[in-house]
Structure formats: structure tokens, C-alpha cells
C-alpha atoms as a PDB file:
ATOM      1  CA  MET A   1     113.794  74.822  90.291  1.00  0.00           C
ATOM      2  CA  ALA A   2     111.722  77.901  91.081  1.00  0.00           C
ATOM      3  CA  PRO A   3     112.341  81.027  89.034  1.00  0.00           C
ATOM      4  CA  PRO A   4     114.861  83.395  90.688  1.00  0.00           C
ATOM      5  CA  ASP A   5     112.160  86.013  91.365  1.00  0.00           C
ATOM      6  CA  ASP A   6     110.205  83.504  93.446  1.00  0.00           C
ATOM      7  CA  GLN A   7     113.089  82.492  95.684  1.00  0.00           C
ATOM      8  CA  PRO A   8     113.103  85.396  98.167  1.00  0.00           C
ATOM      9  CA  GLU A   9     109.391  84.997  98.868  1.00  0.00           C
ATOM     10  CA  SER A  10     109.754  81.237  99.250  1.00  0.00           C
ATOM     11  CA  THR A  11     112.732  81.710 101.567  1.00  0.00           C
ATOM     12  CA  GLY A  12     110.784  84.207 103.653  1.00  0.00           C
ATOM     13  CA  GLU A  13     107.826  81.841 103.923  1.00  0.00           C
ATOM     14  CA  ALA A  14     110.149  79.033 105.005  1.00  0.00           C
ATOM     15  CA  ILE A  15     111.673  81.213 107.728  1.00  0.00           C
ATOM     16  CA  VAL A  16     108.236  82.150 109.042  1.00  0.00           C
ATOM     17  CA  ALA A  17     107.118  78.509 108.993  1.00  0.00           C
ATOM     18  CA  GLU A  18     110.239  77.445 110.907  1.00  0.00           C
ATOM     19  CA  ALA A  19     109.717  80.191 113.502  1.00  0.00           C
ATOM     20  CA  GLU A  20     106.174  78.977 114.130  1.00  0.00           C
ATOM     21  CA  ILE A  21     107.246  75.434 115.017  1.00  0.00           C
ATOM     22  CA  LYS A  22     110.551  75.912 116.856  1.00  0.00           C
ATOM     23  CA  PRO A  23     110.448  76.490 120.635  1.00  0.00           C
ATOM     24  CA  ILE A  24     110.377  80.141 121.649  1.00  0.00           C
ATOM     25  CA  SER A  25     113.814  81.123 122.907  1.00  0.00           C
ATOM     26  CA  THR A  26     114.100  84.911 123.230  1.00  0.00           C
ATOM     27  CA  VAL A  27     111.321  87.083 124.625  1.00  0.00           C
ATOM     28  CA  VAL A  28     111.419  90.886 124.740  1.00  0.00           C
ATOM     29  CA  PHE A  29     109.096  92.788 127.048  1.00  0.00           C
ATOM     30  CA  ILE A  30     108.399  96.421 126.249  1.00  0.00           C
ATOM     31  CA  ILE A  31     107.284  98.099 129.494  1.00  0.00           C
ATOM     32  CA  ALA A  32     106.791 101.850 129.706  1.00  0.00           C
ATOM     33  CA  MET A  33     107.112 102.530 133.435  1.00  0.00           C
ATOM     34  CA  GLN A  34     109.756 101.470 135.941  1.00  0.00           C
ATOM     35  CA  THR A  35     107.028 100.772 138.504  1.00  0.00           C
ATOM     36  CA  GLU A  36     105.543  98.221 136.094  1.00  0.00           C
ATOM     37  CA  ALA A  37     108.909  96.681 135.179  1.00  0.00           C
ATOM     38  CA  LEU A  38     110.661  96.206 138.533  1.00  0.00           C
ATOM     39  CA  PRO A  39     108.370  93.512 140.023  1.00  0.00           C
ATOM     40  CA  LEU A  40     109.119  91.347 136.985  1.00  0.00           C
ATOM     41  CA  VAL A  41     112.828  92.160 137.144  1.00  0.00           C
ATOM     42  CA  ASN A  42     112.859  90.960 140.753  1.00  0.00           C
ATOM     43  CA  ARG A  43     110.660  87.924 140.130  1.00  0.00           C
ATOM     44  CA  PHE A  44     112.873  86.585 137.347  1.00  0.00           C
ATOM     45  CA  GLN A  45     116.114  87.826 138.969  1.00  0.00           C
ATOM     46  CA  LEU A  46     117.140  89.811 135.925  1.00  0.00           C
ATOM     47  CA  SER A  47     120.268  91.965 135.713  1.00  0.00           C
ATOM     48  CA  GLU A  48     120.658  95.418 134.201  1.00  0.00           C
ATOM     49  CA  ASP A  49     123.048  95.642 131.261  1.00  0.00           C
ATOM     50  CA  ALA A  50     126.569  96.643 132.303  1.00  0.00           C
ATOM     51  CA  GLU A  51     127.189  97.716 128.716  1.00  0.00           C
ATOM     52  CA  SER A  52     124.085  98.798 126.832  1.00  0.00           C
ATOM     53  CA  VAL A  53     123.114  97.178 123.545  1.00  0.00           C
ATOM     54  CA  PHE A  54     121.502 100.498 122.619  1.00  0.00           C
ATOM     55  CA  PRO A  55     123.041 103.655 121.107  1.00  0.00           C
ATOM     56  CA  LYS A  56     125.245 105.721 123.397  1.00  0.00           C
ATOM     57  CA  GLY A  57     123.441 108.432 125.297  1.00  0.00           C
ATOM     58  CA  VAL A  58     119.864 107.105 125.176  1.00  0.00           C
ATOM     59  CA  PRO A  59     118.132 106.471 128.533  1.00  0.00           C
ATOM     60  CA  TRP A  60     116.773 103.056 127.520  1.00  0.00           C
ATOM     61  CA  VAL A  61     117.380 100.265 130.026  1.00  0.00           C
ATOM     62  CA  ARG A  62     117.604  96.525 129.401  1.00  0.00           C
ATOM     63  CA  TYR A  63     117.180  93.959 132.167  1.00  0.00           C
ATOM     64  CA  HIS A  64     117.967  90.395 131.103  1.00  0.00           C
ATOM     65  CA  GLY A  65     118.484  86.856 132.263  1.00  0.00           C
ATOM     66  CA  TYR A  66     117.241  83.305 131.838  1.00  0.00           C
ATOM     67  CA  TYR A  67     114.189  81.555 133.195  1.00  0.00           C
ATOM     68  CA  LYS A  68     114.071  77.851 132.369  1.00  0.00           C
ATOM     69  CA  ASP A  69     114.466  77.676 128.555  1.00  0.00           C
ATOM     70  CA  LEU A  70     113.728  81.348 127.913  1.00  0.00           C
ATOM     71  CA  GLN A  71     116.033  84.317 127.567  1.00  0.00           C
ATOM     72  CA  ILE A  72     113.994  87.147 129.056  1.00  0.00           C
ATOM     73  CA  ASN A  73     114.651  90.782 128.219  1.00  0.00           C
ATOM     74  CA  ILE A  74     112.717  93.623 129.804  1.00  0.00           C
ATOM     75  CA  ILE A  75     113.132  96.918 127.994  1.00  0.00           C
ATOM     76  CA  TRP A  76     112.191 100.084 129.850  1.00  0.00           C
ATOM     77  CA  PRO A  77     112.554 103.371 127.940  1.00  0.00           C
ATOM     78  CA  GLY A  78     114.059 104.966 131.030  1.00  0.00           C
ATOM     79  CA  LYS A  79     113.666 108.425 132.472  1.00  0.00           C
ATOM     80  CA  ASP A  80     113.333 111.510 130.303  1.00  0.00           C
ATOM     81  CA  PRO A  81     116.795 113.140 130.450  1.00  0.00           C
ATOM     82  CA  LEU A  82     115.357 116.621 130.971  1.00  0.00           C
ATOM     83  CA  LEU A  83     112.382 116.055 133.277  1.00  0.00           C
ATOM     84  CA  GLY A  84     113.251 112.784 135.012  1.00  0.00           C
ATOM     85  CA  VAL A  85     109.883 111.088 134.485  1.00  0.00           C
ATOM     86  CA  ASP A  86     109.181 107.747 132.783  1.00  0.00           C
ATOM     87  CA  SER A  87     109.423 108.058 128.983  1.00  0.00           C
ATOM     88  CA  VAL A  88     105.848 107.015 128.316  1.00  0.00           C
ATOM     89  CA  GLY A  89     103.970 107.339 125.038  1.00  0.00           C
ATOM     90  CA  THR A  90     104.151 106.167 121.454  1.00  0.00           C
ATOM     91  CA  VAL A  91     107.433 107.789 120.397  1.00  0.00           C
ATOM     92  CA  SER A  92     109.593 106.111 123.048  1.00  0.00           C
ATOM     93  CA  ALA A  93     107.672 102.844 122.640  1.00  0.00           C
ATOM     94  CA  ALA A  94     108.290 102.742 118.900  1.00  0.00           C
ATOM     95  CA  LEU A  95     111.959 103.622 119.274  1.00  0.00           C
ATOM     96  CA  VAL A  96     112.761 100.998 121.898  1.00  0.00           C
ATOM     97  CA  THR A  97     110.767  98.336 120.053  1.00  0.00           C
ATOM     98  CA  TYR A  98     112.749  98.957 116.872  1.00  0.00           C
ATOM     99  CA  ALA A  99     116.088  99.071 118.695  1.00  0.00           C
ATOM    100  CA  SER A 100     115.293  95.924 120.679  1.00  0.00           C
ATOM    101  CA  ILE A 101     114.362  93.935 117.592  1.00  0.00           C
ATOM    102  CA  GLN A 102     117.540  95.049 115.828  1.00  0.00           C
ATOM    103  CA  ALA A 103     119.779  94.248 118.804  1.00  0.00           C
ATOM    104  CA  LEU A 104     118.162  91.113 120.240  1.00  0.00           C
ATOM    105  CA  GLN A 105     116.266  89.409 117.372  1.00  0.00           C
ATOM    106  CA  PRO A 106     113.431  88.168 119.617  1.00  0.00           C
ATOM    107  CA  ASP A 107     111.056  85.334 118.799  1.00  0.00           C
ATOM    108  CA  LEU A 108     108.243  87.140 120.613  1.00  0.00           C
ATOM    109  CA  ILE A 109     107.514  90.648 121.864  1.00  0.00           C
ATOM    110  CA  ILE A 110     105.258  91.183 124.874  1.00  0.00           C
ATOM    111  CA  ASN A 111     104.038  94.707 125.523  1.00  0.00           C
ATOM    112  CA  ALA A 112     102.989  94.595 129.170  1.00  0.00           C
ATOM    113  CA  GLY A 113     101.666  97.381 131.351  1.00  0.00           C
ATOM    114  CA  THR A 114      98.703  99.175 132.798  1.00  0.00           C
ATOM    115  CA  ALA A 115      95.747 100.640 130.942  1.00  0.00           C
ATOM    116  CA  GLY A 116      92.417 102.346 131.354  1.00  0.00           C
ATOM    117  CA  GLY A 117      89.325 100.199 130.937  1.00  0.00           C
ATOM    118  CA  PHE A 118      85.691 100.745 130.036  1.00  0.00           C
ATOM    119  CA  LYS A 119      83.102  99.399 132.455  1.00  0.00           C
ATOM    120  CA  ALA A 120      80.563  99.451 129.610  1.00  0.00           C
ATOM    121  CA  LYS A 121      82.719  96.769 127.940  1.00  0.00           C
ATOM    122  CA  GLY A 122      83.098  94.679 131.098  1.00  0.00           C
ATOM    123  CA  ALA A 123      86.418  95.988 132.457  1.00  0.00           C
ATOM    124  CA  ALA A 124      87.051  96.412 136.185  1.00  0.00           C
ATOM    125  CA  ILE A 125      89.994  97.604 138.275  1.00  0.00           C
ATOM    126  CA  GLY A 126      92.618  94.854 138.535  1.00  0.00           C
ATOM    127  CA  ASP A 127      91.432  92.884 135.494  1.00  0.00           C
ATOM    128  CA  VAL A 128      94.221  91.643 133.238  1.00  0.00           C
ATOM    129  CA  PHE A 129      93.480  91.461 129.517  1.00  0.00           C
ATOM    130  CA  LEU A 130      95.134  89.901 126.514  1.00  0.00           C
ATOM    131  CA  VAL A 131      94.642  92.186 123.523  1.00  0.00           C
ATOM    132  CA  SER A 132      93.107  90.843 120.318  1.00  0.00           C
ATOM    133  CA  GLU A 133      93.504  93.966 118.159  1.00  0.00           C
ATOM    134  CA  VAL A 134      95.081  97.369 118.632  1.00  0.00           C
ATOM    135  CA  ALA A 135      94.544 100.753 116.950  1.00  0.00           C
ATOM    136  CA  PHE A 136      95.199 104.477 117.455  1.00  0.00           C
ATOM    137  CA  HIS A 137      92.482 106.908 118.515  1.00  0.00           C
ATOM    138  CA  ASP A 138      94.282 110.248 118.205  1.00  0.00           C
ATOM    139  CA  ARG A 139      95.648 110.173 114.650  1.00  0.00           C
ATOM    140  CA  ARG A 140      92.781 111.848 112.839  1.00  0.00           C
ATOM    141  CA  ILE A 141      93.432 112.175 109.084  1.00  0.00           C
ATOM    142  CA  PRO A 142      90.077 112.798 107.329  1.00  0.00           C
ATOM    143  CA  ILE A 143      91.298 111.849 103.843  1.00  0.00           C
ATOM    144  CA  PRO A 144      90.335 108.549 102.166  1.00  0.00           C
ATOM    145  CA  VAL A 145      92.820 105.753 102.932  1.00  0.00           C
ATOM    146  CA  PHE A 146      94.922 108.100 105.086  1.00  0.00           C
ATOM    147  CA  ASP A 147      92.129 107.776 107.640  1.00  0.00           C
ATOM    148  CA  LEU A 148      92.726 104.019 107.793  1.00  0.00           C
ATOM    149  CA  TYR A 149      96.469 104.589 108.072  1.00  0.00           C
ATOM    150  CA  GLY A 150      95.832 106.933 110.994  1.00  0.00           C
ATOM    151  CA  VAL A 151      93.766 104.328 112.831  1.00  0.00           C
ATOM    152  CA  GLY A 152      96.482 101.740 112.157  1.00  0.00           C
ATOM    153  CA  LEU A 153      94.409  98.699 113.114  1.00  0.00           C
ATOM    154  CA  ARG A 154      96.550  95.609 113.691  1.00  0.00           C
ATOM    155  CA  GLU A 155      95.931  92.148 115.088  1.00  0.00           C
ATOM    156  CA  ALA A 156      97.971  90.713 117.913  1.00  0.00           C
ATOM    157  CA  LEU A 157      99.371  87.204 117.608  1.00  0.00           C
ATOM    158  CA  SER A 158      96.510  84.753 118.037  1.00  0.00           C
ATOM    159  CA  THR A 159      97.040  82.709 121.234  1.00  0.00           C
ATOM    160  CA  PRO A 160      93.890  80.658 121.891  1.00  0.00           C
ATOM    161  CA  ASN A 161      95.650  78.079 124.055  1.00  0.00           C
ATOM    162  CA  LEU A 162      97.234  80.757 126.230  1.00  0.00           C
ATOM    163  CA  VAL A 163      93.875  82.476 126.740  1.00  0.00           C
ATOM    164  CA  LYS A 164      92.277  79.199 127.790  1.00  0.00           C
ATOM    165  CA  GLU A 165      95.075  77.942 130.010  1.00  0.00           C
ATOM    166  CA  VAL A 166      95.820  81.200 131.853  1.00  0.00           C
ATOM    167  CA  ASP A 167      92.162  82.283 131.929  1.00  0.00           C
ATOM    168  CA  LEU A 168      92.690  85.753 130.488  1.00  0.00           C
ATOM    169  CA  LYS A 169      90.039  88.228 129.479  1.00  0.00           C
ATOM    170  CA  VAL A 170      90.300  89.357 125.843  1.00  0.00           C
ATOM    171  CA  GLY A 171      89.568  92.795 124.415  1.00  0.00           C
ATOM    172  CA  ARG A 172      90.570  95.425 121.889  1.00  0.00           C
ATOM    173  CA  LEU A 173      93.077  98.129 122.791  1.00  0.00           C
ATOM    174  CA  SER A 174      93.064 101.761 121.669  1.00  0.00           C
ATOM    175  CA  THR A 175      96.242 103.848 121.930  1.00  0.00           C
ATOM    176  CA  GLY A 176      96.797 107.585 122.217  1.00  0.00           C
ATOM    177  CA  ASP A 177      99.478 109.926 123.563  1.00  0.00           C
ATOM    178  CA  SER A 178      97.324 111.497 126.287  1.00  0.00           C
ATOM    179  CA  LEU A 179      96.330 110.041 129.642  1.00  0.00           C
ATOM    180  CA  VAL A 180      92.970 111.797 129.522  1.00  0.00           C
ATOM    181  CA  THR A 181      90.610 111.740 126.553  1.00  0.00           C
ATOM    182  CA  THR A 182      88.912 114.452 124.531  1.00  0.00           C
ATOM    183  CA  PRO A 183      85.425 114.108 122.997  1.00  0.00           C
ATOM    184  CA  HIS A 184      87.158 113.391 119.644  1.00  0.00           C
ATOM    185  CA  ASP A 185      89.194 110.630 121.304  1.00  0.00           C
ATOM    186  CA  GLU A 186      86.076 109.125 122.860  1.00  0.00           C
ATOM    187  CA  LEU A 187      84.362 108.899 119.487  1.00  0.00           C
ATOM    188  CA  ALA A 188      87.429 107.249 117.953  1.00  0.00           C
ATOM    189  CA  ILE A 189      87.761 104.800 120.847  1.00  0.00           C
ATOM    190  CA  THR A 190      84.118 103.833 120.402  1.00  0.00           C
ATOM    191  CA  ALA A 191      84.729 103.365 116.664  1.00  0.00           C
ATOM    192  CA  ASN A 192      87.688 101.131 117.545  1.00  0.00           C
ATOM    193  CA  ASP A 193      85.328  99.035 119.735  1.00  0.00           C
ATOM    194  CA  ALA A 194      87.970  99.197 122.453  1.00  0.00           C
ATOM    195  CA  THR A 195      87.722  97.743 125.941  1.00  0.00           C
ATOM    196  CA  LEU A 196      91.113  99.174 126.919  1.00  0.00           C
ATOM    197  CA  LYS A 197      93.028 102.423 126.439  1.00  0.00           C
ATOM    198  CA  ASP A 198      96.788 102.915 126.749  1.00  0.00           C
ATOM    199  CA  MET A 199      99.655 105.102 125.500  1.00  0.00           C
ATOM    200  CA  GLU A 200     102.004 102.597 123.800  1.00  0.00           C
ATOM    201  CA  GLY A 201     100.375  99.463 122.372  1.00  0.00           C
ATOM    202  CA  ALA A 202      99.593 100.515 118.805  1.00  0.00           C
ATOM    203  CA  ALA A 203     103.101 101.933 118.372  1.00  0.00           C
ATOM    204  CA  VAL A 204     104.665  98.655 119.482  1.00  0.00           C
ATOM    205  CA  ALA A 205     102.293  96.789 117.153  1.00  0.00           C
ATOM    206  CA  TYR A 206     103.259  98.988 114.197  1.00  0.00           C
ATOM    207  CA  VAL A 207     106.993  98.339 114.580  1.00  0.00           C
ATOM    208  CA  ALA A 208     106.576  94.632 115.326  1.00  0.00           C
ATOM    209  CA  ASP A 209     104.383  94.223 112.245  1.00  0.00           C
ATOM    210  CA  LEU A 210     106.829  96.200 110.114  1.00  0.00           C
ATOM    211  CA  LEU A 211     109.719  93.931 111.145  1.00  0.00           C
ATOM    212  CA  LYS A 212     107.616  90.731 111.160  1.00  0.00           C
ATOM    213  CA  VAL A 213     108.050  89.875 114.823  1.00  0.00           C
ATOM    214  CA  PRO A 214     105.016  88.342 116.567  1.00  0.00           C
ATOM    215  CA  ALA A 215     103.660  90.443 119.421  1.00  0.00           C
ATOM    216  CA  ILE A 216     101.151  90.058 122.226  1.00  0.00           C
ATOM    217  CA  PHE A 217      99.814  92.719 124.585  1.00  0.00           C
ATOM    218  CA  VAL A 218      99.004  92.168 128.258  1.00  0.00           C
ATOM    219  CA  LYS A 219      97.270  95.050 130.023  1.00  0.00           C
ATOM    220  CA  ALA A 220      96.044  95.447 133.605  1.00  0.00           C
ATOM    221  CA  ILE A 221      93.300  97.944 134.447  1.00  0.00           C
ATOM    222  CA  THR A 222      94.221 100.829 136.785  1.00  0.00           C
ATOM    223  CA  ASP A 223      91.377 103.229 136.008  1.00  0.00           C
ATOM    224  CA  ILE A 224      87.876 103.228 134.568  1.00  0.00           C
ATOM    225  CA  VAL A 225      87.680 105.631 131.649  1.00  0.00           C
ATOM    226  CA  ASP A 226      83.886 105.838 131.705  1.00  0.00           C
ATOM    227  CA  GLY A 227      83.766 105.964 135.514  1.00  0.00           C
ATOM    228  CA  GLU A 228      83.235 108.821 137.930  1.00  0.00           C
ATOM    229  CA  LYS A 229      86.747 109.332 139.344  1.00  0.00           C
ATOM    230  CA  PRO A 230      89.340 111.593 137.670  1.00  0.00           C
ATOM    231  CA  THR A 231      91.631 109.407 135.532  1.00  0.00           C
ATOM    232  CA  ALA A 232      94.967 110.597 136.968  1.00  0.00           C
ATOM    233  CA  GLU A 233      93.769 110.226 140.559  1.00  0.00           C
ATOM    234  CA  GLU A 234      92.402 106.727 140.019  1.00  0.00           C
ATOM    235  CA  PHE A 235      95.496 105.645 138.072  1.00  0.00           C
ATOM    236  CA  LEU A 236      97.890 106.669 140.848  1.00  0.00           C
ATOM    237  CA  GLN A 237      95.647 105.241 143.559  1.00  0.00           C
ATOM    238  CA  ASN A 238      95.565 101.765 141.958  1.00  0.00           C
ATOM    239  CA  LEU A 239      98.993 101.584 140.285  1.00  0.00           C
ATOM    240  CA  ALA A 240     100.835  99.566 142.956  1.00  0.00           C
ATOM    241  CA  ALA A 241      98.096  96.965 143.505  1.00  0.00           C
ATOM    242  CA  VAL A 242      97.352  96.528 139.814  1.00  0.00           C
ATOM    243  CA  THR A 243     101.042  96.210 138.979  1.00  0.00           C
ATOM    244  CA  ALA A 244     101.204  93.312 141.446  1.00  0.00           C
ATOM    245  CA  ALA A 245      98.296  91.623 139.639  1.00  0.00           C
ATOM    246  CA  LEU A 246     100.061  92.175 136.327  1.00  0.00           C
ATOM    247  CA  ASP A 247     103.269  90.669 137.724  1.00  0.00           C
ATOM    248  CA  GLU A 248     101.421  87.531 138.813  1.00  0.00           C
ATOM    249  CA  MET A 249      99.701  87.129 135.450  1.00  0.00           C
ATOM    250  CA  ILE A 250     102.926  87.651 133.498  1.00  0.00           C
ATOM    251  CA  SER A 251     104.548  84.920 135.594  1.00  0.00           C
ATOM    252  CA  ASN A 252     101.748  82.534 134.593  1.00  0.00           C
ATOM    253  CA  ILE A 253     102.130  83.527 130.949  1.00  0.00           C
ATOM    254  CA  ILE A 254     105.890  82.896 130.992  1.00  0.00           C
ATOM    255  CA  GLU A 255     105.338  79.481 132.580  1.00  0.00           C
ATOM    256  CA  PHE A 256     102.931  78.628 129.764  1.00  0.00           C
ATOM    257  CA  ILE A 257     105.195  79.943 126.986  1.00  0.00           C
ATOM    258  CA  ASN A 258     108.289  78.082 128.181  1.00  0.00           C
ATOM    259  CA  GLY A 259     109.096  75.147 125.902  1.00  0.00           C
ATOM    260  CA  LYS A 260     106.377  75.977 123.389  1.00  0.00           C
ATOM    261  CA  SER A 261     106.424  77.229 119.816  1.00  0.00           C
ATOM    262  CA  LEU A 262     104.416  80.165 118.486  1.00  0.00           C
ATOM    263  CA  SER A 263     101.958  77.772 116.890  1.00  0.00           C
ATOM    264  CA  GLU A 264     101.284  76.130 120.265  1.00  0.00           C
ATOM    265  CA  LEU A 265     100.238  79.401 121.886  1.00  0.00           C
END
């Protein structure tokens, strides 16, 4: 018999091992904007919660239903109660990720949405990427070790079979709370070796890692960060078309995931 002190670690390892081989059952999508979420809600014929699983008074919205063997949950942080715009950014993303894990106990988290891309790294409008690693670019703490904490580099769940089967591009993602970048941000993004830039991914990754839930990140390119057009203008111009491309790719990903375990991805 193992010593008592060893039992919790052994139990934890056994739980992780079991999760890797059992078929994925519950998937939670974290999606920042309603425009990004609704095509998937309609495609999978999901229903909005009549009674929220979240704390009373928060604007967070859960759409849910079943597709084949999967329980699908799409979590949208909702509209800001004061200003009525989508609750984008790292704070809302972290909060809804934590609340969703606590309430729904998912086997897999998928952070899906739009992002900026860098043409110097091979990104083009409409491309859909699977993220390999994610980090922050606007948490600058120039103190040893705190600097690494600020960057918060984390790996996404490795899914080589998914990449091959669905024919996804792969790249690193850098996250910050501003749509446009400053010169400091640009230096940090370059240091992160990022192909993509968004406003939520690294926050989702932090919470998922903290609570030991596997996560993948699927991002579609609406604007070229190192291009000539103003970011906001290009983002709004391409949002509808790129969201449709994202919807199609997510459908392919769900088809591939259905019936498989984490280790088969």
C-alpha cells in the first residue's frame, strides 16, 4: 500500500489518465461576441438557458444542447449592463471560464472567435488557426520571474490528429485588452512569436490550466495587424464573412471530436 501522503497525487494522476481515454462528453465554448456565437447556436440548434446556471444578476448567457454524443455549451459573456456592448476582454473571459468549469465540469474547453493576424507570419483574412501556445503581451512587469508571470505563456492541448484531419493552420496567440496595439505591445507580440492577436485567449488558458481542464483555441482572422488598413475598420468590414468561415470550421472540428477521447485528438 502506498504511503498516505502519496495517495492524493496517485488519485489525481488516475483521474487525468481516465479523462484522456474516455470519450469526450461535455464541451464548453467560450465565445466573446454574440455575432461569433449565434451562427453556431443556430447550426447546432442550441437553446438558451431558461434558468441560468450562473450567479443571479450577471449578464452571462449559456446556450446548450446535444449533437450526436456531445453535450455542447456555448458561453457568451453577454452585454455590458451599463453600455450594452459585448463584454469582450480578459476579465469577462476569465470569469465566465471559471464559472463554466464550476457549473458544467466540461471535458474540453474551446475558446473560439476572431483575431488579428500578422501577414509576416503567413496569416490572411479568413484563415482559421488552431493555437499551439498562448501568452499575454500587455502585462509588463520588469522584475525577475514576475516578468514571466506577466507573459503567462501556456500550451494549448496538443491535437495533432485534429490538425491533420481538419487541415488547420497552427500558430501562437498573443492576448491583450486593447483592439489596437502600442509600440510596447508590438515588441511583446514579437517576443511571443505570435501569428495571432486577440483579447481573451490567454485569460481562458490561465483559468483552464489552473483548474486542470484541457483547452484548445480556434481563431479566424478578421484583420491584418501589420497591414495598411486601420484595425477597427478592417475588423468590422470582415466580421460577418470571417464568422461564417469560423462557423464552418467549428462544425468540422465538432464532427471530428465526436466519439473520441482527448488522447485521440
